Amino acid sequence: MWKRIKNFLINLLFPKYCLGCQREGDYLCEDCQATLEISSIHQKADLEELSDLYFAADYQKPLIQNVIQQFKYEPFIKELAKSLSSLIIEH
């Protein structure tokens, strides 16, 4: 009960906005998540311990760059884990 009240107040005072289109509701709305393209980038590595590198998404795209930075650096947005993991799974 208290957790629901706490979450309601947090969402009321600090609403979530999409990192792509700024629409209120979630950090990555369905429309923006659908625009994230699966990458087919494959690169040979020159390291003895690592032979190949595969990329799930192109980091040069502003939206994916912003999503990864918001997930990786403080203040962490842990809720982005589901969106990022689904991108990797699709890859």
Foldseek 3Di string as FASTA:
>chain_A
DVVVVVVVVCCVVPFAADLPPRHTDHPNDPVNLVPFDFDQDKDADPDPVGGIDGDRGDCVDVRVVVLCCCCPDPVHDVVSVVSVVVSVVVD
